[in-house]
């Protein structure tokens, strides 16, 4: 049987490490999502600028 008094500190450390690793991967996924959104916004701005130039040149 597991002695809870002896295992409190290692279990707590393991618990904290799990949260740190989970937080790292959640943060990485969030940064990837933000980077993708910035890239998409940049591409949309380029397309809009090209369309405006095309409309201006067609007059």
Protein backbone atom coordinates (compact mmCIF):
# COMPACT_ATOMS: atom_id res chain seq x y z
CA UNK A 1 0.00 0.00 0.00
CA UNK A 2 1.22 3.48 -0.82
CA UNK A 3 2.25 5.49 2.21
CA UNK A 4 0.54 8.85 1.65
CA UNK A 5 2.72 10.80 4.09
CA UNK A 6 5.93 9.80 2.30
CA UNK A 7 4.44 10.24 -1.17
CA UNK A 8 2.93 13.73 -0.69
CA UNK A 9 5.95 15.69 -1.93
CA UNK A 10 6.75 13.51 -4.98
CA UNK A 11 3.06 13.42 -5.95
CA UNK A 12 2.83 17.20 -5.63
CA UNK A 13 5.97 17.64 -7.76
CA UNK A 14 4.56 15.26 -10.37
CA UNK A 15 1.26 17.16 -10.34
CA UNK A 16 3.03 20.50 -10.82
CA UNK A 17 5.19 19.10 -13.63
CA UNK A 18 2.09 17.80 -15.42
CA UNK A 19 0.56 21.28 -15.30
CA UNK A 20 3.77 22.89 -16.53
CA UNK A 21 4.07 20.51 -19.47
CA UNK A 22 0.38 20.91 -20.27
CA UNK A 23 0.70 24.69 -20.07
CA UNK A 24 3.66 24.62 -22.41
CA UNK A 25 1.76 22.68 -25.07
CA UNK A 26 -1.36 24.84 -24.68
CA UNK A 27 0.79 27.96 -25.04
CA UNK A 28 2.49 26.54 -28.11
CA UNK A 29 -0.86 25.73 -29.71
CA UNK A 30 -2.09 29.25 -28.90
CA UNK A 31 1.02 30.85 -30.43
CA UNK A 32 0.63 28.72 -33.55
CA UNK A 33 -3.01 29.78 -33.85
CA UNK A 34 -2.09 33.46 -33.43
CA UNK A 35 0.68 33.17 -36.03
CA UNK A 36 -1.74 31.54 -38.47
CA UNK A 37 -4.31 34.29 -37.89
CA UNK A 38 -1.66 36.98 -38.51
CA UNK A 39 -0.54 35.27 -41.69
CA UNK A 40 -4.13 34.98 -42.92
CA UNK A 41 -4.80 38.66 -42.16
CA UNK A 42 -1.63 39.61 -44.03
CA UNK A 43 -2.68 37.56 -47.07
CA UNK A 44 -6.14 39.15 -47.01
CA UNK A 45 -4.58 42.62 -46.89
CA UNK A 46 -2.39 41.78 -49.89
CA UNK A 47 -5.40 40.53 -51.86
CA UNK A 48 -7.40 43.64 -50.94
CA UNK A 49 -4.54 45.93 -52.03
CA UNK A 50 -4.20 44.10 -55.35
CA UNK A 51 -7.94 44.34 -55.95
CA UNK A 52 -7.93 48.07 -55.19
CA UNK A 53 -4.99 48.63 -57.56
CA UNK A 54 -6.73 46.59 -60.25
CA UNK A 55 -9.94 48.63 -59.84
CA UNK A 56 -7.99 51.90 -59.93
CA UNK A 57 -6.06 50.86 -63.05
CA UNK A 58 -9.18 49.72 -64.89
CA UNK A 59 -10.69 53.24 -64.83
